[in-house]
């Protein structure tokens, strides 16, 4: 068991002497530095230096009585909590550094969101950060109900209001035969141009092209992958433009 404990502490980044002091004090219980030093065969001054470090890390406590300082190890739960907090900080830092990493450089990246709240937050954040008068190109399968599986009507209205405020235009391709499935009220309340694709193209997901970002989305099961890559996005834009030319405008259907 002692060997396993020492291996685990080593994996947490502690040095051999620090591990020996920590394990030795755990075994001894409340003890002065001299007793610890004798047990693990290290100079007293070295042990005191390590004990001070472990105390600073909140892993042990001290008590001074009649000029003698005694040390004891705090509950092992303190060690667990210490690294749990570090993990939480590291996760937050990962998000912050990722945003900073791409803020002034043209590095490609991909992000995945697989929860309803994550998808809603991503879409809202994307719209907020878009420049005014941006044109978004989309392919949307109206009959698949991808958006309805993620957004309530109120959230959907809020996003439309946000698009209108930023004067965003949407060019949307719809699979053949699905124009009638679109909520006409939603069309009337935003700046959107609709076209119906040829009948030999089967598309059940949603795809967005937003500047240099390609987004693939499905409400079943909630999933988005956002790819920021100029070459990939521009390549898909070329395919989209080709489909746009082949497709038929909504007005031609009498809607």
C-alpha atoms as a PDB file:
ATOM      1  CA  UNK A   1       0.000   0.000   0.000  1.00  0.00           C
ATOM      2  CA  UNK A   2       2.820   2.436   0.843  1.00  0.00           C
ATOM      3  CA  UNK A   3       4.350   1.844  -2.582  1.00  0.00           C
ATOM      4  CA  UNK A   4       1.025   2.624  -4.282  1.00  0.00           C
ATOM      5  CA  UNK A   5       0.626   5.802  -2.228  1.00  0.00           C
ATOM      6  CA  UNK A   6       4.116   6.982  -3.123  1.00  0.00           C
ATOM      7  CA  UNK A   7       3.527   6.228  -6.819  1.00  0.00           C
ATOM      8  CA  UNK A   8       0.261   8.186  -6.757  1.00  0.00           C
ATOM      9  CA  UNK A   9       1.929  11.173  -5.076  1.00  0.00           C
ATOM     10  CA  UNK A  10       4.728  11.031  -7.632  1.00  0.00           C
ATOM     11  CA  UNK A  11       2.140  11.105 -10.418  1.00  0.00           C
ATOM     12  CA  UNK A  12       0.680  14.212  -8.805  1.00  0.00           C
ATOM     13  CA  UNK A  13       4.032  15.923  -9.208  1.00  0.00           C
ATOM     14  CA  UNK A  14       5.582  15.595  -5.750  1.00  0.00           C
ATOM     15  CA  UNK A  15       9.334  14.988  -5.425  1.00  0.00           C
ATOM     16  CA  UNK A  16      10.770  11.916  -3.628  1.00  0.00           C
ATOM     17  CA  UNK A  17      11.784  13.760  -0.418  1.00  0.00           C
ATOM     18  CA  UNK A  18       8.423  15.529  -0.280  1.00  0.00           C
ATOM     19  CA  UNK A  19       6.670  12.179  -0.638  1.00  0.00           C
ATOM     20  CA  UNK A  20       8.775  10.623   2.122  1.00  0.00           C
ATOM     21  CA  UNK A  21       8.058  13.499   4.499  1.00  0.00           C
ATOM     22  CA  UNK A  22       4.311  13.423   3.747  1.00  0.00           C
ATOM     23  CA  UNK A  23       4.004   9.637   4.097  1.00  0.00           C
ATOM     24  CA  UNK A  24       6.233   9.562   7.170  1.00  0.00           C
ATOM     25  CA  UNK A  25       4.199  12.219   8.944  1.00  0.00           C
ATOM     26  CA  UNK A  26       0.975  10.447   7.972  1.00  0.00           C
ATOM     27  CA  UNK A  27       2.258   7.301   9.663  1.00  0.00           C
ATOM     28  CA  UNK A  28       3.579   9.073  12.768  1.00  0.00           C
ATOM     29  CA  UNK A  29       0.661  11.363  13.424  1.00  0.00           C
ATOM     30  CA  UNK A  30       1.412  14.661  15.219  1.00  0.00           C
ATOM     31  CA  UNK A  31       5.213  14.928  15.439  1.00  0.00           C
ATOM     32  CA  UNK A  32       8.094  17.449  15.587  1.00  0.00           C
ATOM     33  CA  UNK A  33      10.463  17.785  12.632  1.00  0.00           C
ATOM     34  CA  UNK A  34      13.233  15.934  14.472  1.00  0.00           C
ATOM     35  CA  UNK A  35      11.118  12.794  14.843  1.00  0.00           C
ATOM     36  CA  UNK A  36      10.102  12.899  11.178  1.00  0.00           C
ATOM     37  CA  UNK A  37      13.716  13.412  10.108  1.00  0.00           C
ATOM     38  CA  UNK A  38      14.811  10.395  12.140  1.00  0.00           C
ATOM     39  CA  UNK A  39      12.080   8.162  10.692  1.00  0.00           C
ATOM     40  CA  UNK A  40      12.857   8.934   7.041  1.00  0.00           C
ATOM     41  CA  UNK A  41      16.618   9.474   7.485  1.00  0.00           C
ATOM     42  CA  UNK A  42      16.842  13.049   6.184  1.00  0.00           C
ATOM     43  CA  UNK A  43      18.550  16.132   7.706  1.00  0.00           C
ATOM     44  CA  UNK A  44      16.258  18.050  10.032  1.00  0.00           C
ATOM     45  CA  UNK A  45      16.767  21.298   8.094  1.00  0.00           C
ATOM     46  CA  UNK A  46      15.723  19.584   4.859  1.00  0.00           C
ATOM     47  CA  UNK A  47      12.618  18.165   6.525  1.00  0.00           C
ATOM     48  CA  UNK A  48      11.636  21.570   7.952  1.00  0.00           C
ATOM     49  CA  UNK A  49      11.962  23.159   4.517  1.00  0.00           C
ATOM     50  CA  UNK A  50       9.690  20.500   3.012  1.00  0.00           C
ATOM     51  CA  UNK A  51       7.210  20.763   5.889  1.00  0.00           C
ATOM     52  CA  UNK A  52       6.966  24.517   5.293  1.00  0.00           C
ATOM     53  CA  UNK A  53       6.174  23.868   1.616  1.00  0.00           C
ATOM     54  CA  UNK A  54       3.523  21.265   2.431  1.00  0.00           C
ATOM     55  CA  UNK A  55       1.987  23.624   4.978  1.00  0.00           C
ATOM     56  CA  UNK A  56       1.857  26.366   2.340  1.00  0.00           C
ATOM     57  CA  UNK A  57      -0.006  23.868   0.132  1.00  0.00           C
ATOM     58  CA  UNK A  58      -2.543  23.378   2.965  1.00  0.00           C
ATOM     59  CA  UNK A  59      -1.655  19.689   3.226  1.00  0.00           C
ATOM     60  CA  UNK A  60      -0.633  19.853   6.882  1.00  0.00           C
ATOM     61  CA  UNK A  61      -1.057  21.993   9.980  1.00  0.00           C
ATOM     62  CA  UNK A  62       1.274  23.049  12.805  1.00  0.00           C
ATOM     63  CA  UNK A  63       1.052  23.695  16.498  1.00  0.00           C
ATOM     64  CA  UNK A  64       3.740  25.366  18.627  1.00  0.00           C
ATOM     65  CA  UNK A  65       4.027  24.516  22.327  1.00  0.00           C
ATOM     66  CA  UNK A  66       6.891  25.482  24.676  1.00  0.00           C
ATOM     67  CA  UNK A  67       9.119  26.355  21.742  1.00  0.00           C
ATOM     68  CA  UNK A  68       8.561  23.071  19.866  1.00  0.00           C
ATOM     69  CA  UNK A  69       6.631  23.008  16.614  1.00  0.00           C
ATOM     70  CA  UNK A  70       4.591  19.892  15.896  1.00  0.00           C
ATOM     71  CA  UNK A  71       3.143  18.942  12.518  1.00  0.00           C
ATOM     72  CA  UNK A  72       0.241  16.748  11.431  1.00  0.00           C
ATOM     73  CA  UNK A  73      -1.268  15.832   8.071  1.00  0.00           C
ATOM     74  CA  UNK A  74      -4.681  17.239   7.210  1.00  0.00           C
ATOM     75  CA  UNK A  75      -7.482  14.926   6.054  1.00  0.00           C
ATOM     76  CA  UNK A  76      -6.704  13.194   2.723  1.00  0.00           C
ATOM     77  CA  UNK A  77      -9.824  14.900   1.390  1.00  0.00           C
ATOM     78  CA  UNK A  78      -7.809  18.141   1.383  1.00  0.00           C
ATOM     79  CA  UNK A  79      -5.404  16.591  -1.125  1.00  0.00           C
ATOM     80  CA  UNK A  80      -8.316  15.483  -3.296  1.00  0.00           C
ATOM     81  CA  UNK A  81      -9.983  18.907  -3.150  1.00  0.00           C
ATOM     82  CA  UNK A  82      -6.712  20.682  -3.931  1.00  0.00           C
ATOM     83  CA  UNK A  83      -6.321  18.865  -7.230  1.00  0.00           C
ATOM     84  CA  UNK A  84     -10.045  18.981  -8.009  1.00  0.00           C
ATOM     85  CA  UNK A  85      -9.817  22.779  -7.770  1.00  0.00           C
ATOM     86  CA  UNK A  86      -6.742  22.769  -9.979  1.00  0.00           C
ATOM     87  CA  UNK A  87      -8.592  20.693 -12.555  1.00  0.00           C
ATOM     88  CA  UNK A  88     -11.490  23.150 -12.533  1.00  0.00           C
ATOM     89  CA  UNK A  89      -9.103  26.071 -12.999  1.00  0.00           C
ATOM     90  CA  UNK A  90      -7.311  24.207 -15.803  1.00  0.00           C
ATOM     91  CA  UNK A  91     -10.625  23.601 -17.599  1.00  0.00           C
ATOM     92  CA  UNK A  92     -11.537  27.293 -17.346  1.00  0.00           C
ATOM     93  CA  UNK A  93      -8.064  28.253 -18.517  1.00  0.00           C
ATOM     94  CA  UNK A  94      -8.374  25.880 -21.463  1.00  0.00           C
ATOM     95  CA  UNK A  95     -11.418  27.799 -22.721  1.00  0.00           C
ATOM     96  CA  UNK A  96      -9.863  31.208 -22.115  1.00  0.00           C
ATOM     97  CA  UNK A  97      -6.544  30.301 -23.723  1.00  0.00           C
ATOM     98  CA  UNK A  98      -8.262  28.702 -26.719  1.00  0.00           C
ATOM     99  CA  UNK A  99     -10.119  31.939 -27.429  1.00  0.00           C
ATOM    100  CA  UNK A 100      -6.929  33.967 -26.957  1.00  0.00           C
ATOM    101  CA  UNK A 101      -4.897  31.534 -29.054  1.00  0.00           C
ATOM    102  CA  UNK A 102      -7.100  32.166 -32.066  1.00  0.00           C
ATOM    103  CA  UNK A 103      -7.842  35.845 -31.441  1.00  0.00           C
ATOM    104  CA  UNK A 104      -5.057  37.319 -33.572  1.00  0.00           C
ATOM    105  CA  UNK A 105      -3.910  34.372 -35.636  1.00  0.00           C
ATOM    106  CA  UNK A 106      -5.332  32.376 -38.503  1.00  0.00           C
ATOM    107  CA  UNK A 107      -5.075  28.905 -36.976  1.00  0.00           C
ATOM    108  CA  UNK A 108      -7.705  26.303 -37.907  1.00  0.00           C
ATOM    109  CA  UNK A 109      -9.677  24.603 -35.171  1.00  0.00           C
ATOM    110  CA  UNK A 110     -12.817  22.572 -34.553  1.00  0.00           C
ATOM    111  CA  UNK A 111     -15.231  22.696 -31.617  1.00  0.00           C
ATOM    112  CA  UNK A 112     -17.930  20.195 -30.709  1.00  0.00           C
ATOM    113  CA  UNK A 113     -21.109  20.869 -28.732  1.00  0.00           C
ATOM    114  CA  UNK A 114     -23.376  17.949 -27.837  1.00  0.00           C
ATOM    115  CA  UNK A 115     -25.873  19.399 -25.375  1.00  0.00           C
ATOM    116  CA  UNK A 116     -28.892  21.627 -25.951  1.00  0.00           C
ATOM    117  CA  UNK A 117     -27.531  24.376 -23.705  1.00  0.00           C
ATOM    118  CA  UNK A 118     -24.093  24.206 -25.350  1.00  0.00           C
ATOM    119  CA  UNK A 119     -25.625  24.488 -28.820  1.00  0.00           C
ATOM    120  CA  UNK A 120     -27.863  27.408 -27.822  1.00  0.00           C
ATOM    121  CA  UNK A 121     -24.943  29.248 -26.247  1.00  0.00           C
ATOM    122  CA  UNK A 122     -22.764  28.650 -29.300  1.00  0.00           C
ATOM    123  CA  UNK A 123     -25.386  29.973 -31.732  1.00  0.00           C
ATOM    124  CA  UNK A 124     -26.166  33.013 -29.601  1.00  0.00           C
ATOM    125  CA  UNK A 125     -22.467  33.834 -29.114  1.00  0.00           C
ATOM    126  CA  UNK A 126     -21.795  33.418 -32.845  1.00  0.00           C
ATOM    127  CA  UNK A 127     -24.592  35.806 -33.808  1.00  0.00           C
ATOM    128  CA  UNK A 128     -23.544  38.387 -31.221  1.00  0.00           C
ATOM    129  CA  UNK A 129     -19.965  38.423 -32.524  1.00  0.00           C
ATOM    130  CA  UNK A 130     -20.881  38.688 -36.220  1.00  0.00           C
ATOM    131  CA  UNK A 131     -20.263  41.998 -37.992  1.00  0.00           C
ATOM    132  CA  UNK A 132     -23.332  43.892 -39.170  1.00  0.00           C
ATOM    133  CA  UNK A 133     -24.792  42.949 -42.574  1.00  0.00           C
ATOM    134  CA  UNK A 134     -23.150  39.524 -42.595  1.00  0.00           C
ATOM    135  CA  UNK A 135     -24.589  37.017 -45.064  1.00  0.00           C
ATOM    136  CA  UNK A 136     -25.041  33.514 -43.671  1.00  0.00           C
ATOM    137  CA  UNK A 137     -25.398  30.648 -46.131  1.00  0.00           C
ATOM    138  CA  UNK A 138     -27.322  27.638 -44.866  1.00  0.00           C
ATOM    139  CA  UNK A 139     -28.816  24.334 -45.885  1.00  0.00           C
ATOM    140  CA  UNK A 140     -31.718  23.499 -43.599  1.00  0.00           C
ATOM    141  CA  UNK A 141     -33.981  20.455 -43.623  1.00  0.00           C
ATOM    142  CA  UNK A 142     -37.251  22.043 -42.553  1.00  0.00           C
ATOM    143  CA  UNK A 143     -38.960  18.665 -42.213  1.00  0.00           C
ATOM    144  CA  UNK A 144     -36.346  17.349 -39.766  1.00  0.00           C
ATOM    145  CA  UNK A 145     -37.183  19.873 -37.031  1.00  0.00           C
ATOM    146  CA  UNK A 146     -33.546  20.338 -36.003  1.00  0.00           C
ATOM    147  CA  UNK A 147     -34.152  23.781 -34.498  1.00  0.00           C
ATOM    148  CA  UNK A 148     -37.411  22.823 -32.784  1.00  0.00           C
ATOM    149  CA  UNK A 149     -35.558  20.069 -30.897  1.00  0.00           C
ATOM    150  CA  UNK A 150     -33.127  22.638 -29.460  1.00  0.00           C
ATOM    151  CA  UNK A 151     -35.001  25.955 -29.172  1.00  0.00           C
ATOM    152  CA  UNK A 152     -38.268  26.995 -27.625  1.00  0.00           C
ATOM    153  CA  UNK A 153     -40.361  29.471 -29.609  1.00  0.00           C
ATOM    154  CA  UNK A 154     -39.258  32.303 -27.310  1.00  0.00           C
ATOM    155  CA  UNK A 155     -35.562  31.531 -27.834  1.00  0.00           C
ATOM    156  CA  UNK A 156     -36.124  31.287 -31.590  1.00  0.00           C
ATOM    157  CA  UNK A 157     -37.800  34.720 -31.619  1.00  0.00           C
ATOM    158  CA  UNK A 158     -34.914  36.204 -29.624  1.00  0.00           C
ATOM    159  CA  UNK A 159     -32.372  34.912 -32.137  1.00  0.00           C
ATOM    160  CA  UNK A 160     -34.392  36.317 -35.051  1.00  0.00           C
ATOM    161  CA  UNK A 161     -34.525  39.700 -33.305  1.00  0.00           C
ATOM    162  CA  UNK A 162     -30.765  39.557 -32.842  1.00  0.00           C
ATOM    163  CA  UNK A 163     -30.246  38.785 -36.543  1.00  0.00           C
ATOM    164  CA  UNK A 164     -32.517  41.665 -37.534  1.00  0.00           C
ATOM    165  CA  UNK A 165     -30.748  44.067 -35.183  1.00  0.00           C
ATOM    166  CA  UNK A 166     -27.432  43.228 -36.840  1.00  0.00           C
ATOM    167  CA  UNK A 167     -29.033  43.331 -40.319  1.00  0.00           C
ATOM    168  CA  UNK A 168     -27.946  39.757 -41.008  1.00  0.00           C
ATOM    169  CA  UNK A 169     -29.178  38.171 -44.242  1.00  0.00           C
ATOM    170  CA  UNK A 170     -29.644  34.422 -44.546  1.00  0.00           C
ATOM    171  CA  UNK A 171     -29.490  32.521 -47.831  1.00  0.00           C
ATOM    172  CA  UNK A 172     -31.136  29.163 -47.216  1.00  0.00           C
ATOM    173  CA  UNK A 173     -31.332  26.055 -49.379  1.00  0.00           C
ATOM    174  CA  UNK A 174     -34.215  23.716 -48.588  1.00  0.00           C
ATOM    175  CA  UNK A 175     -34.506  20.069 -49.648  1.00  0.00           C
ATOM    176  CA  UNK A 176     -37.030  19.425 -52.400  1.00  0.00           C
ATOM    177  CA  UNK A 177     -40.636  19.304 -51.220  1.00  0.00           C
ATOM    178  CA  UNK A 178     -40.012  20.895 -47.793  1.00  0.00           C
ATOM    179  CA  UNK A 179     -40.882  24.536 -48.474  1.00  0.00           C
ATOM    180  CA  UNK A 180     -44.416  24.041 -47.152  1.00  0.00           C
ATOM    181  CA  UNK A 181     -43.009  22.767 -43.846  1.00  0.00           C
ATOM    182  CA  UNK A 182     -41.426  26.144 -43.102  1.00  0.00           C
ATOM    183  CA  UNK A 183     -43.153  28.466 -40.655  1.00  0.00           C
ATOM    184  CA  UNK A 184     -44.180  31.398 -42.878  1.00  0.00           C
ATOM    185  CA  UNK A 185     -44.240  33.754 -39.881  1.00  0.00           C
ATOM    186  CA  UNK A 186     -40.541  33.086 -39.268  1.00  0.00           C
ATOM    187  CA  UNK A 187     -39.793  33.861 -42.919  1.00  0.00           C
ATOM    188  CA  UNK A 188     -41.683  37.142 -42.802  1.00  0.00           C
ATOM    189  CA  UNK A 189     -39.925  38.327 -39.637  1.00  0.00           C
ATOM    190  CA  UNK A 190     -36.345  38.061 -40.894  1.00  0.00           C
ATOM    191  CA  UNK A 191     -34.253  38.900 -43.919  1.00  0.00           C
ATOM    192  CA  UNK A 192     -34.077  35.503 -45.598  1.00  0.00           C
ATOM    193  CA  UNK A 193     -33.857  34.288 -49.185  1.00  0.00           C
ATOM    194  CA  UNK A 194     -35.092  30.745 -49.747  1.00  0.00           C
ATOM    195  CA  UNK A 195     -34.381  28.330 -52.570  1.00  0.00           C
ATOM    196  CA  UNK A 196     -35.495  24.739 -53.064  1.00  0.00           C
ATOM    197  CA  UNK A 197     -32.810  22.259 -54.090  1.00  0.00           C
ATOM    198  CA  UNK A 198     -33.237  19.712 -56.893  1.00  0.00           C
ATOM    199  CA  UNK A 199     -35.214  16.608 -55.911  1.00  0.00           C
ATOM    200  CA  UNK A 200     -32.231  14.224 -56.074  1.00  0.00           C
ATOM    201  CA  UNK A 201     -30.436  15.805 -53.079  1.00  0.00           C
ATOM    202  CA  UNK A 202     -31.231  14.230 -49.708  1.00  0.00           C
ATOM    203  CA  UNK A 203     -30.300  16.441 -46.742  1.00  0.00           C
ATOM    204  CA  UNK A 204     -31.602  15.879 -43.212  1.00  0.00           C
ATOM    205  CA  UNK A 205     -29.087  17.880 -41.173  1.00  0.00           C
ATOM    206  CA  UNK A 206     -28.276  21.593 -41.229  1.00  0.00           C
ATOM    207  CA  UNK A 207     -25.151  23.299 -42.523  1.00  0.00           C
ATOM    208  CA  UNK A 208     -24.081  26.904 -42.119  1.00  0.00           C
ATOM    209  CA  UNK A 209     -21.293  28.826 -43.782  1.00  0.00           C
ATOM    210  CA  UNK A 210     -20.432  31.916 -41.753  1.00  0.00           C
ATOM    211  CA  UNK A 211     -17.410  33.824 -43.049  1.00  0.00           C
ATOM    212  CA  UNK A 212     -14.500  31.375 -42.531  1.00  0.00           C
ATOM    213  CA  UNK A 213     -16.478  28.961 -40.360  1.00  0.00           C
ATOM    214  CA  UNK A 214     -18.326  25.827 -41.432  1.00  0.00           C
ATOM    215  CA  UNK A 215     -20.965  24.519 -39.018  1.00  0.00           C
ATOM    216  CA  UNK A 216     -22.666  21.123 -39.204  1.00  0.00           C
ATOM    217  CA  UNK A 217     -25.724  20.696 -36.991  1.00  0.00           C
ATOM    218  CA  UNK A 218     -28.313  18.077 -36.147  1.00  0.00           C
ATOM    219  CA  UNK A 219     -31.035  18.149 -33.530  1.00  0.00           C
ATOM    220  CA  UNK A 220     -31.099  14.349 -33.448  1.00  0.00           C
ATOM    221  CA  UNK A 221     -29.134  13.803 -31.384  1.00  0.00           C
ATOM    222  CA  UNK A 222     -28.150  17.380 -30.365  1.00  0.00           C
ATOM    223  CA  UNK A 223     -24.788  17.880 -32.018  1.00  0.00           C
ATOM    224  CA  UNK A 224     -22.785  20.694 -33.587  1.00  0.00           C
ATOM    225  CA  UNK A 225     -19.284  20.706 -34.987  1.00  0.00           C
ATOM    226  CA  UNK A 226     -17.896  24.133 -35.874  1.00  0.00           C
ATOM    227  CA  UNK A 227     -14.828  24.141 -38.125  1.00  0.00           C
ATOM    228  CA  UNK A 228     -12.752  27.291 -38.513  1.00  0.00           C
ATOM    229  CA  UNK A 229     -10.581  26.597 -41.551  1.00  0.00           C
ATOM    230  CA  UNK A 230     -10.366  28.873 -44.605  1.00  0.00           C
ATOM    231  CA  UNK A 231      -9.639  26.191 -47.184  1.00  0.00           C
ATOM    232  CA  UNK A 232     -12.309  23.762 -45.949  1.00  0.00           C
ATOM    233  CA  UNK A 233     -14.929  26.501 -45.599  1.00  0.00           C
ATOM    234  CA  UNK A 234     -14.192  28.121 -48.958  1.00  0.00           C
ATOM    235  CA  UNK A 235     -14.270  24.706 -50.619  1.00  0.00           C
ATOM    236  CA  UNK A 236     -17.729  24.030 -49.186  1.00  0.00           C
ATOM    237  CA  UNK A 237     -18.802  27.535 -50.165  1.00  0.00           C
ATOM    238  CA  UNK A 238     -17.948  26.723 -53.773  1.00  0.00           C
ATOM    239  CA  UNK A 239     -20.213  23.669 -53.593  1.00  0.00           C
ATOM    240  CA  UNK A 240     -22.915  25.752 -51.916  1.00  0.00           C
ATOM    241  CA  UNK A 241     -22.748  28.452 -54.621  1.00  0.00           C
ATOM    242  CA  UNK A 242     -23.124  25.752 -57.280  1.00  0.00           C
ATOM    243  CA  UNK A 243     -26.238  24.381 -55.544  1.00  0.00           C
ATOM    244  CA  UNK A 244     -27.590  27.902 -55.122  1.00  0.00           C
ATOM    245  CA  UNK A 245     -27.450  28.449 -58.881  1.00  0.00           C
ATOM    246  CA  UNK A 246     -29.200  25.120 -59.517  1.00  0.00           C
ATOM    247  CA  UNK A 247     -31.979  25.756 -57.025  1.00  0.00           C
ATOM    248  CA  UNK A 248     -35.325  27.497 -57.408  1.00  0.00           C
ATOM    249  CA  UNK A 249     -36.393  30.620 -55.528  1.00  0.00           C
ATOM    250  CA  UNK A 250     -39.290  30.543 -53.096  1.00  0.00           C
ATOM    251  CA  UNK A 251     -41.225  33.131 -55.144  1.00  0.00           C
ATOM    252  CA  UNK A 252     -41.264  30.742 -58.075  1.00  0.00           C
ATOM    253  CA  UNK A 253     -43.341  28.378 -55.955  1.00  0.00           C
ATOM    254  CA  UNK A 254     -45.957  31.020 -55.234  1.00  0.00           C
ATOM    255  CA  UNK A 255     -45.193  31.184 -51.482  1.00  0.00           C
END
